[in-house]
Amino acid sequence: MSLRHAVLGLLVETPSSGYDLLKRFESSLAFVWPAKQSQVYGELAKLSEAGLIEVTGTGARNRREYGITEAGRAELREWLTGPGAESAYRSAALLRVFFLWTLPREEGAAYLKEFARRNQERHAGLERLRDEAQWAGDPVQVCEWLALEFGIRSSQSAGEWADWAAEQLTEHL
């Protein structure tokens, strides 16, 4: 998955300015694929240069609104239906876990407990987001809900795992 495809997917739903895209990232995609302002604006420039999006309007203070082109829709469709290259799982957090043996036991356990706490906090925030949303059942919302539910369940599982792992580290190292 890439920022490129996330931006294209958001632009299929509705033309947006860079600012609007950032707000939509924060309210819907942040738990799946977070992005910073510089990344979004940089990606908009690349997508425009590649002919995958175009300026569809200009507002106050030269605010540009972008829409997806047919080439952009084709790119998104190819990415959605093509073979996935993301079969390898990468996690900086788990890479750290792999090397916790190099730390004193208490520091390793503290890292895992903090990992658990962050996931529990994330889990609670995602549940609030789900519970406060007005789910109308349109296709966009159904897919957003499915991705949100993955975030809810994975953060809960990761938090439980980290609590368990902290106990194991304390007992076995």
N, C-alpha and C. Protein backbone atom coordinates (compact mmCIF):
# COMPACT_ATOMS: atom_id res chain seq x y z
N MET A 1 0.84 -1.17 0.00
CA MET A 1 0.00 0.00 0.00
C MET A 1 0.88 1.23 0.00
N SER A 2 0.37 2.27 -0.59
CA SER A 2 1.18 3.48 -0.62
C SER A 2 0.29 4.69 -0.43
N LEU A 3 0.92 5.77 -0.10
CA LEU A 3 0.23 7.03 0.03
C LEU A 3 -0.44 7.39 -1.30
N ARG A 4 0.23 7.07 -2.37
CA ARG A 4 -0.29 7.34 -3.72
C ARG A 4 -1.70 6.78 -3.88
N HIS A 5 -1.87 5.53 -3.50
CA HIS A 5 -3.15 4.87 -3.68
C HIS A 5 -4.19 5.35 -2.66
N ALA A 6 -3.73 5.71 -1.47
CA ALA A 6 -4.65 6.26 -0.48
C ALA A 6 -5.23 7.59 -0.98
N VAL A 7 -4.39 8.44 -1.53
CA VAL A 7 -4.85 9.73 -2.05
C VAL A 7 -5.79 9.51 -3.23
N LEU A 8 -5.43 8.63 -4.14
CA LEU A 8 -6.31 8.35 -5.27
C LEU A 8 -7.67 7.83 -4.79
N GLY A 9 -7.64 6.93 -3.82
CA GLY A 9 -8.90 6.39 -3.30
C GLY A 9 -9.78 7.47 -2.68
N LEU A 10 -9.18 8.39 -1.94
CA LEU A 10 -9.96 9.47 -1.35
C LEU A 10 -10.52 10.40 -2.42
N LEU A 11 -9.76 10.61 -3.49
CA LEU A 11 -10.22 11.50 -4.55
C LEU A 11 -11.31 10.87 -5.42
N VAL A 12 -11.41 9.55 -5.42
CA VAL A 12 -12.52 8.91 -6.13
C VAL A 12 -13.83 9.29 -5.47
N GLU A 13 -13.80 9.34 -4.14
CA GLU A 13 -15.01 9.66 -3.39
C GLU A 13 -15.49 11.08 -3.66
N THR A 14 -14.56 12.04 -3.58
CA THR A 14 -14.92 13.43 -3.82
C THR A 14 -13.67 14.26 -4.09
N PRO A 15 -13.73 15.20 -5.04
CA PRO A 15 -12.59 16.09 -5.26
C PRO A 15 -12.27 16.83 -3.96
N SER A 16 -10.99 17.07 -3.71
CA SER A 16 -10.57 17.65 -2.44
C SER A 16 -9.31 18.48 -2.60
N SER A 17 -9.15 19.43 -1.70
CA SER A 17 -7.91 20.18 -1.61
C SER A 17 -6.93 19.39 -0.75
N GLY A 18 -5.69 19.80 -0.72
CA GLY A 18 -4.72 19.15 0.15
C GLY A 18 -5.15 19.20 1.60
N TYR A 19 -5.66 20.35 2.02
CA TYR A 19 -6.15 20.51 3.39
C TYR A 19 -7.29 19.53 3.68
N ASP A 20 -8.24 19.44 2.75
CA ASP A 20 -9.36 18.51 2.93
C ASP A 20 -8.87 17.07 3.03
N LEU A 21 -7.89 16.73 2.21
CA LEU A 21 -7.33 15.37 2.25
C LEU A 21 -6.69 15.09 3.61
N LEU A 22 -5.95 16.06 4.13
CA LEU A 22 -5.34 15.89 5.45
C LEU A 22 -6.39 15.63 6.52
N LYS A 23 -7.47 16.38 6.49
CA LYS A 23 -8.55 16.19 7.46
C LYS A 23 -9.19 14.81 7.31
N ARG A 24 -9.34 14.36 6.09
CA ARG A 24 -9.93 13.03 5.86
C ARG A 24 -8.97 11.93 6.30
N PHE A 25 -7.67 12.14 6.12
CA PHE A 25 -6.70 11.19 6.64
C PHE A 25 -6.85 11.09 8.15
N GLU A 26 -6.92 12.24 8.81
CA GLU A 26 -7.01 12.28 10.27
C GLU A 26 -8.27 11.61 10.78
N SER A 27 -9.38 11.76 10.07
CA SER A 27 -10.65 11.25 10.57
C SER A 27 -10.97 9.83 10.11
N SER A 28 -10.25 9.33 9.11
CA SER A 28 -10.62 7.99 8.64
C SER A 28 -9.45 7.06 8.36
N LEU A 29 -8.37 7.56 7.82
CA LEU A 29 -7.27 6.68 7.41
C LEU A 29 -6.10 6.64 8.38
N ALA A 30 -6.09 7.50 9.37
CA ALA A 30 -4.93 7.60 10.26
C ALA A 30 -4.61 6.28 10.94
N PHE A 31 -5.63 5.46 11.20
CA PHE A 31 -5.39 4.18 11.85
C PHE A 31 -4.91 3.12 10.88
N VAL A 32 -4.98 3.40 9.60
CA VAL A 32 -4.52 2.46 8.58
C VAL A 32 -3.23 2.95 7.92
N TRP A 33 -3.23 4.21 7.54
CA TRP A 33 -2.11 4.77 6.81
C TRP A 33 -1.98 6.25 7.14
N PRO A 34 -1.27 6.59 8.21
CA PRO A 34 -1.15 8.01 8.58
C PRO A 34 -0.29 8.77 7.57
N ALA A 35 -0.55 10.05 7.45
CA ALA A 35 0.22 10.88 6.53
C ALA A 35 0.39 12.28 7.11
N LYS A 36 1.53 12.87 6.81
CA LYS A 36 1.82 14.23 7.25
C LYS A 36 1.52 15.19 6.11
N GLN A 37 1.39 16.46 6.47
CA GLN A 37 1.06 17.49 5.49
C GLN A 37 2.05 17.49 4.33
N SER A 38 3.34 17.45 4.64
CA SER A 38 4.34 17.50 3.57
C SER A 38 4.23 16.28 2.66
N GLN A 39 3.86 15.14 3.20
CA GLN A 39 3.72 13.94 2.38
C GLN A 39 2.52 14.06 1.43
N VAL A 40 1.40 14.54 1.96
CA VAL A 40 0.19 14.67 1.13
C VAL A 40 0.42 15.66 0.00
N TYR A 41 0.95 16.83 0.32
CA TYR A 41 1.17 17.84 -0.72
C TYR A 41 2.22 17.38 -1.73
N GLY A 42 3.24 16.69 -1.26
CA GLY A 42 4.24 16.14 -2.18
C GLY A 42 3.63 15.10 -3.11
N GLU A 43 2.77 14.26 -2.55
CA GLU A 43 2.11 13.22 -3.36
C GLU A 43 1.15 13.84 -4.37
N LEU A 44 0.44 14.90 -3.98
CA LEU A 44 -0.44 15.59 -4.92
C LEU A 44 0.35 16.09 -6.12
N ALA A 45 1.51 16.65 -5.88
CA ALA A 45 2.35 17.15 -6.98
C ALA A 45 2.77 16.01 -7.89
N LYS A 46 3.18 14.89 -7.31
CA LYS A 46 3.60 13.74 -8.12
C LYS A 46 2.44 13.16 -8.93
N LEU A 47 1.28 13.05 -8.30
CA LEU A 47 0.11 12.51 -8.99
C LEU A 47 -0.33 13.42 -10.13
N SER A 48 -0.25 14.72 -9.90
CA SER A 48 -0.61 15.68 -10.94
C SER A 48 0.36 15.59 -12.11
N GLU A 49 1.64 15.53 -11.78
CA GLU A 49 2.67 15.42 -12.82
C GLU A 49 2.50 14.14 -13.64
N ALA A 50 2.05 13.07 -12.99
CA ALA A 50 1.86 11.79 -13.68
C ALA A 50 0.53 11.73 -14.43
N GLY A 51 -0.29 12.77 -14.31
CA GLY A 51 -1.58 12.79 -15.02
C GLY A 51 -2.65 11.94 -14.34
N LEU A 52 -2.45 11.59 -13.08
CA LEU A 52 -3.41 10.74 -12.37
C LEU A 52 -4.47 11.56 -11.65
N ILE A 53 -4.18 12.84 -11.42
CA ILE A 53 -5.16 13.78 -10.87
C ILE A 53 -5.03 15.09 -11.64
N GLU A 54 -6.04 15.94 -11.47
CA GLU A 54 -6.00 17.26 -12.10
C GLU A 54 -6.67 18.27 -11.20
N VAL A 55 -6.32 19.52 -11.38
CA VAL A 55 -6.97 20.59 -10.63
C VAL A 55 -8.36 20.77 -11.20
N THR A 56 -9.36 20.68 -10.32
CA THR A 56 -10.75 20.80 -10.76
C THR A 56 -11.38 22.12 -10.34
N GLY A 57 -10.65 22.87 -9.50
CA GLY A 57 -11.17 24.16 -9.07
C GLY A 57 -10.15 24.89 -8.22
N THR A 58 -10.31 26.20 -8.13
CA THR A 58 -9.43 27.01 -7.30
C THR A 58 -10.31 27.88 -6.41
N GLY A 59 -9.99 27.87 -5.12
CA GLY A 59 -10.78 28.63 -4.16
C GLY A 59 -10.01 29.80 -3.60
N ALA A 60 -10.45 30.25 -2.45
CA ALA A 60 -9.82 31.38 -1.77
C ALA A 60 -8.36 31.08 -1.48
N ARG A 61 -7.53 32.10 -1.52
CA ARG A 61 -6.09 31.99 -1.27
C ARG A 61 -5.42 30.96 -2.18
N ASN A 62 -5.92 30.88 -3.41
CA ASN A 62 -5.34 29.98 -4.42
C ASN A 62 -5.40 28.51 -4.00
N ARG A 63 -6.39 28.16 -3.20
CA ARG A 63 -6.58 26.79 -2.74
C ARG A 63 -7.05 25.93 -3.92
N ARG A 64 -6.24 24.95 -4.25
CA ARG A 64 -6.55 24.07 -5.38
C ARG A 64 -7.32 22.85 -4.93
N GLU A 65 -8.34 22.51 -5.69
CA GLU A 65 -9.09 21.28 -5.45
C GLU A 65 -8.72 20.30 -6.55
N TYR A 66 -8.46 19.07 -6.15
CA TYR A 66 -8.02 18.05 -7.10
C TYR A 66 -9.09 16.99 -7.28
N GLY A 67 -9.15 16.48 -8.50
CA GLY A 67 -10.02 15.37 -8.82
C GLY A 67 -9.21 14.30 -9.52
N ILE A 68 -9.69 13.09 -9.46
CA ILE A 68 -8.99 11.96 -10.08
C ILE A 68 -9.31 11.92 -11.57
N THR A 69 -8.33 11.58 -12.39
CA THR A 69 -8.53 11.44 -13.84
C THR A 69 -8.85 9.98 -14.15
N GLU A 70 -9.19 9.72 -15.39
CA GLU A 70 -9.43 8.32 -15.81
C GLU A 70 -8.16 7.48 -15.63
N ALA A 71 -7.00 8.08 -15.92
CA ALA A 71 -5.74 7.36 -15.71
C ALA A 71 -5.54 7.05 -14.22
N GLY A 72 -5.95 7.97 -13.37
CA GLY A 72 -5.86 7.74 -11.92
C GLY A 72 -6.79 6.64 -11.48
N ARG A 73 -8.00 6.61 -12.03
CA ARG A 73 -8.95 5.53 -11.71
C ARG A 73 -8.39 4.18 -12.16
N ALA A 74 -7.77 4.16 -13.33
CA ALA A 74 -7.18 2.92 -13.84
C ALA A 74 -6.03 2.46 -12.93
N GLU A 75 -5.20 3.39 -12.49
CA GLU A 75 -4.09 3.08 -11.58
C GLU A 75 -4.62 2.49 -10.27
N LEU A 76 -5.66 3.12 -9.72
CA LEU A 76 -6.25 2.64 -8.47
C LEU A 76 -6.86 1.25 -8.66
N ARG A 77 -7.56 1.07 -9.75
CA ARG A 77 -8.19 -0.24 -10.03
C ARG A 77 -7.13 -1.32 -10.17
N GLU A 78 -6.06 -1.02 -10.89
CA GLU A 78 -4.97 -1.99 -11.06
C GLU A 78 -4.36 -2.36 -9.71
N TRP A 79 -4.16 -1.37 -8.86
CA TRP A 79 -3.61 -1.62 -7.54
C TRP A 79 -4.57 -2.47 -6.68
N LEU A 80 -5.86 -2.15 -6.76
CA LEU A 80 -6.84 -2.87 -5.96
C LEU A 80 -7.01 -4.32 -6.40
N THR A 81 -6.92 -4.57 -7.69
CA THR A 81 -7.20 -5.91 -8.19
C THR A 81 -5.96 -6.72 -8.52
N GLY A 82 -4.80 -6.06 -8.57
CA GLY A 82 -3.56 -6.75 -8.92
C GLY A 82 -3.01 -7.55 -7.75
N PRO A 83 -1.98 -8.33 -8.02
CA PRO A 83 -1.37 -9.11 -6.94
C PRO A 83 -0.73 -8.18 -5.91
N GLY A 84 -0.91 -8.49 -4.68
CA GLY A 84 -0.37 -7.66 -3.61
C GLY A 84 1.10 -7.93 -3.36
N ALA A 85 1.86 -6.88 -3.24
CA ALA A 85 3.28 -7.02 -2.94
C ALA A 85 3.53 -6.91 -1.44
N GLU A 86 2.45 -6.70 -0.67
CA GLU A 86 2.63 -6.46 0.74
C GLU A 86 2.51 -7.72 1.60
N SER A 87 2.86 -8.85 1.06
CA SER A 87 2.75 -10.08 1.84
C SER A 87 3.76 -10.13 2.98
N ALA A 88 4.86 -9.41 2.85
CA ALA A 88 5.84 -9.36 3.94
C ALA A 88 5.33 -8.39 4.99
N TYR A 89 5.32 -8.83 6.23
CA TYR A 89 4.85 -8.00 7.32
C TYR A 89 6.03 -7.28 7.94
N ARG A 90 5.93 -5.97 8.07
CA ARG A 90 6.99 -5.18 8.68
C ARG A 90 6.43 -4.46 9.89
N SER A 91 7.18 -4.51 10.97
CA SER A 91 6.78 -3.81 12.17
C SER A 91 8.02 -3.39 12.93
N ALA A 92 8.21 -2.09 13.06
CA ALA A 92 9.34 -1.58 13.83
C ALA A 92 9.21 -2.00 15.29
N ALA A 93 7.98 -2.04 15.80
CA ALA A 93 7.76 -2.45 17.19
C ALA A 93 8.20 -3.89 17.41
N LEU A 94 7.85 -4.78 16.50
CA LEU A 94 8.24 -6.18 16.66
C LEU A 94 9.71 -6.41 16.40
N LEU A 95 10.30 -5.57 15.56
CA LEU A 95 11.75 -5.66 15.36
C LEU A 95 12.45 -5.34 16.68
N ARG A 96 11.95 -4.36 17.39
CA ARG A 96 12.50 -4.04 18.71
C ARG A 96 12.33 -5.22 19.66
N VAL A 97 11.16 -5.84 19.65
CA VAL A 97 10.91 -6.99 20.52
C VAL A 97 11.93 -8.08 20.26
N PHE A 98 12.25 -8.29 19.01
CA PHE A 98 13.21 -9.33 18.64
C PHE A 98 14.55 -9.14 19.34
N PHE A 99 14.91 -7.88 19.63
CA PHE A 99 16.20 -7.57 20.24
C PHE A 99 16.10 -7.13 21.70
N LEU A 100 14.96 -7.30 22.33
CA LEU A 100 14.82 -6.90 23.72
C LEU A 100 15.76 -7.67 24.65
N TRP A 101 16.22 -8.81 24.21
CA TRP A 101 17.13 -9.60 25.04
C TRP A 101 18.42 -8.85 25.33
N THR A 102 18.71 -7.80 24.52
CA THR A 102 19.95 -7.03 24.74
C THR A 102 19.82 -6.03 25.89
N LEU A 103 18.61 -5.83 26.39
CA LEU A 103 18.35 -4.89 27.48
C LEU A 103 18.18 -5.64 28.80
N PRO A 104 18.33 -4.93 29.90
CA PRO A 104 17.95 -5.54 31.18
C PRO A 104 16.46 -5.90 31.14
N ARG A 105 16.11 -6.97 31.81
CA ARG A 105 14.75 -7.50 31.79
C ARG A 105 13.71 -6.42 32.08
N GLU A 106 13.96 -5.58 33.06
CA GLU A 106 12.98 -4.56 33.45
C GLU A 106 12.73 -3.57 32.31
N GLU A 107 13.77 -3.20 31.59
CA GLU A 107 13.60 -2.26 30.47
C GLU A 107 12.81 -2.90 29.34
N GLY A 108 13.09 -4.16 29.07
CA GLY A 108 12.33 -4.86 28.03
C GLY A 108 10.87 -4.98 28.40
N ALA A 109 10.60 -5.34 29.66
CA ALA A 109 9.22 -5.46 30.12
C ALA A 109 8.54 -4.10 30.09
N ALA A 110 9.25 -3.03 30.44
CA ALA A 110 8.69 -1.68 30.40
C ALA A 110 8.31 -1.29 28.96
N TYR A 111 9.18 -1.65 28.01
CA TYR A 111 8.86 -1.37 26.60
C TYR A 111 7.56 -2.07 26.21
N LEU A 112 7.43 -3.34 26.57
CA LEU A 112 6.24 -4.10 26.23
C LEU A 112 4.99 -3.55 26.92
N LYS A 113 5.12 -3.13 28.15
CA LYS A 113 3.97 -2.56 28.86
C LYS A 113 3.54 -1.24 28.22
N GLU A 114 4.51 -0.45 27.78
CA GLU A 114 4.19 0.80 27.09
C GLU A 114 3.53 0.50 25.73
N PHE A 115 4.02 -0.52 25.06
CA PHE A 115 3.42 -0.96 23.79
C PHE A 115 1.97 -1.37 24.04
N ALA A 116 1.73 -2.10 25.12
CA ALA A 116 0.37 -2.51 25.48
C ALA A 116 -0.50 -1.29 25.76
N ARG A 117 0.03 -0.35 26.53
CA ARG A 117 -0.72 0.85 26.88
C ARG A 117 -1.11 1.65 25.64
N ARG A 118 -0.15 1.83 24.72
CA ARG A 118 -0.44 2.59 23.50
C ARG A 118 -1.51 1.89 22.66
N ASN A 119 -1.46 0.57 22.59
CA ASN A 119 -2.48 -0.15 21.83
C ASN A 119 -3.83 -0.11 22.51
N GLN A 120 -3.85 -0.15 23.83
CA GLN A 120 -5.12 -0.03 24.54
C GLN A 120 -5.73 1.35 24.34
N GLU A 121 -4.88 2.37 24.35
CA GLU A 121 -5.32 3.74 24.10
C GLU A 121 -5.85 3.88 22.67
N ARG A 122 -5.12 3.31 21.73
CA ARG A 122 -5.54 3.33 20.32
C ARG A 122 -6.88 2.61 20.16
N HIS A 123 -7.00 1.46 20.81
CA HIS A 123 -8.22 0.66 20.76
C HIS A 123 -9.41 1.49 21.25
N ALA A 124 -9.25 2.16 22.39
CA ALA A 124 -10.34 2.96 22.95
C ALA A 124 -10.71 4.11 22.00
N GLY A 125 -9.70 4.76 21.42
CA GLY A 125 -9.96 5.85 20.48
C GLY A 125 -10.70 5.38 19.23
N LEU A 126 -10.32 4.23 18.72
CA LEU A 126 -10.98 3.69 17.53
C LEU A 126 -12.41 3.27 17.84
N GLU A 127 -12.62 2.71 19.03
CA GLU A 127 -13.99 2.35 19.41
C GLU A 127 -14.86 3.60 19.51
N ARG A 128 -14.32 4.69 20.09
CA ARG A 128 -15.07 5.95 20.16
C ARG A 128 -15.41 6.44 18.76
N LEU A 129 -14.44 6.38 17.86
CA LEU A 129 -14.67 6.81 16.48
C LEU A 129 -15.81 5.99 15.85
N ARG A 130 -15.76 4.69 16.05
CA ARG A 130 -16.81 3.83 15.51
C ARG A 130 -18.17 4.15 16.13
N ASP A 131 -18.19 4.33 17.44
CA ASP A 131 -19.46 4.54 18.14
C ASP A 131 -20.06 5.91 17.87
N GLU A 132 -19.23 6.90 17.55
CA GLU A 132 -19.73 8.25 17.30
C GLU A 132 -20.10 8.47 15.83
N ALA A 133 -19.71 7.56 14.96
CA ALA A 133 -19.97 7.73 13.53
C ALA A 133 -21.45 7.50 13.21
N GLN A 134 -21.90 8.17 12.19
CA GLN A 134 -23.24 7.97 11.67
C GLN A 134 -23.12 7.02 10.47
N TRP A 135 -23.35 5.75 10.69
CA TRP A 135 -23.16 4.75 9.64
C TRP A 135 -24.43 4.66 8.81
N ALA A 136 -24.35 5.15 7.57
CA ALA A 136 -25.51 5.14 6.68
C ALA A 136 -25.59 3.87 5.84
N GLY A 137 -24.48 3.16 5.74
CA GLY A 137 -24.48 1.92 4.99
C GLY A 137 -24.14 2.06 3.53
N ASP A 138 -23.69 3.25 3.08
CA ASP A 138 -23.29 3.35 1.69
C ASP A 138 -21.95 2.62 1.51
N PRO A 139 -21.59 2.25 0.29
CA PRO A 139 -20.38 1.44 0.07
C PRO A 139 -19.10 2.05 0.65
N VAL A 140 -18.95 3.36 0.59
CA VAL A 140 -17.76 4.00 1.13
C VAL A 140 -17.71 3.77 2.64
N GLN A 141 -18.82 4.01 3.31
CA GLN A 141 -18.86 3.84 4.77
C GLN A 141 -18.69 2.38 5.18
N VAL A 142 -19.25 1.47 4.44
CA VAL A 142 -19.09 0.05 4.78
C VAL A 142 -17.61 -0.33 4.75
N CYS A 143 -16.91 0.09 3.72
CA CYS A 143 -15.48 -0.24 3.62
C CYS A 143 -14.67 0.50 4.67
N GLU A 144 -15.03 1.74 4.99
CA GLU A 144 -14.36 2.46 6.08
C GLU A 144 -14.58 1.73 7.39
N TRP A 145 -15.80 1.26 7.62
CA TRP A 145 -16.12 0.53 8.84
C TRP A 145 -15.32 -0.76 8.91
N LEU A 146 -15.19 -1.48 7.79
CA LEU A 146 -14.41 -2.72 7.79
C LEU A 146 -12.96 -2.45 8.18
N ALA A 147 -12.37 -1.41 7.61
CA ALA A 147 -10.98 -1.06 7.94
C ALA A 147 -10.88 -0.61 9.40
N LEU A 148 -11.84 0.17 9.86
CA LEU A 148 -11.86 0.62 11.25
C LEU A 148 -11.95 -0.57 12.19
N GLU A 149 -12.79 -1.52 11.85
CA GLU A 149 -12.96 -2.70 12.70
C GLU A 149 -11.68 -3.52 12.75
N PHE A 150 -10.93 -3.57 11.66
CA PHE A 150 -9.62 -4.23 11.69
C PHE A 150 -8.71 -3.52 12.68
N GLY A 151 -8.70 -2.19 12.64
CA GLY A 151 -7.89 -1.43 13.59
C GLY A 151 -8.29 -1.68 15.02
N ILE A 152 -9.59 -1.75 15.28
CA ILE A 152 -10.09 -2.01 16.63
C ILE A 152 -9.63 -3.37 17.11
N ARG A 153 -9.85 -4.37 16.28
CA ARG A 153 -9.51 -5.74 16.69
C ARG A 153 -8.00 -5.96 16.78
N SER A 154 -7.24 -5.38 15.85
CA SER A 154 -5.79 -5.59 15.90
C SER A 154 -5.15 -4.86 17.06
N SER A 155 -5.65 -3.66 17.39
CA SER A 155 -5.08 -2.94 18.54
C SER A 155 -5.42 -3.66 19.84
N GLN A 156 -6.60 -4.23 19.92
CA GLN A 156 -6.96 -5.00 21.12
C GLN A 156 -6.07 -6.23 21.25
N SER A 157 -5.90 -6.94 20.15
CA SER A 157 -5.05 -8.13 20.14
C SER A 157 -3.60 -7.78 20.46
N ALA A 158 -3.09 -6.71 19.86
CA ALA A 158 -1.70 -6.31 20.10
C ALA A 158 -1.49 -5.92 21.56
N GLY A 159 -2.45 -5.22 22.15
CA GLY A 159 -2.35 -4.84 23.55
C GLY A 159 -2.33 -6.06 24.47
N GLU A 160 -3.22 -7.01 24.18
CA GLU A 160 -3.27 -8.24 24.98
C GLU A 160 -1.97 -9.02 24.83
N TRP A 161 -1.48 -9.12 23.60
CA TRP A 161 -0.22 -9.82 23.35
C TRP A 161 0.93 -9.17 24.11
N ALA A 162 1.01 -7.84 24.08
CA ALA A 162 2.12 -7.15 24.73
C ALA A 162 2.09 -7.35 26.25
N ASP A 163 0.89 -7.34 26.84
CA ASP A 163 0.79 -7.64 28.28
C ASP A 163 1.32 -9.05 28.57
N TRP A 164 0.89 -10.00 27.76
CA TRP A 164 1.34 -11.39 27.90
C TRP A 164 2.86 -11.48 27.70
N ALA A 165 3.37 -10.80 26.67
CA ALA A 165 4.80 -10.85 26.37
C ALA A 165 5.63 -10.25 27.50
N ALA A 166 5.15 -9.19 28.13
CA ALA A 166 5.87 -8.59 29.26
C ALA A 166 5.99 -9.59 30.40
N GLU A 167 4.91 -10.34 30.65
CA GLU A 167 4.95 -11.38 31.69
C GLU A 167 5.96 -12.46 31.32
N GLN A 168 5.95 -12.89 30.06
CA GLN A 168 6.86 -13.94 29.61
C GLN A 168 8.30 -13.50 29.74
N LEU A 169 8.56 -12.27 29.34
CA LEU A 169 9.93 -11.74 29.42
C LEU A 169 10.42 -11.70 30.87
N THR A 170 9.53 -11.26 31.74
CA THR A 170 9.88 -11.18 33.16
C THR A 170 10.16 -12.56 33.75
N GLU A 171 9.37 -13.55 33.36
CA GLU A 171 9.51 -14.89 33.90
C GLU A 171 10.66 -15.69 33.29
N HIS A 172 10.98 -15.43 32.04
CA HIS A 172 11.89 -16.32 31.32
C HIS A 172 13.24 -15.72 30.95
N LEU A 173 13.45 -14.48 31.25
CA LEU A 173 14.75 -13.89 30.88
C LEU A 173 15.58 -13.63 32.11
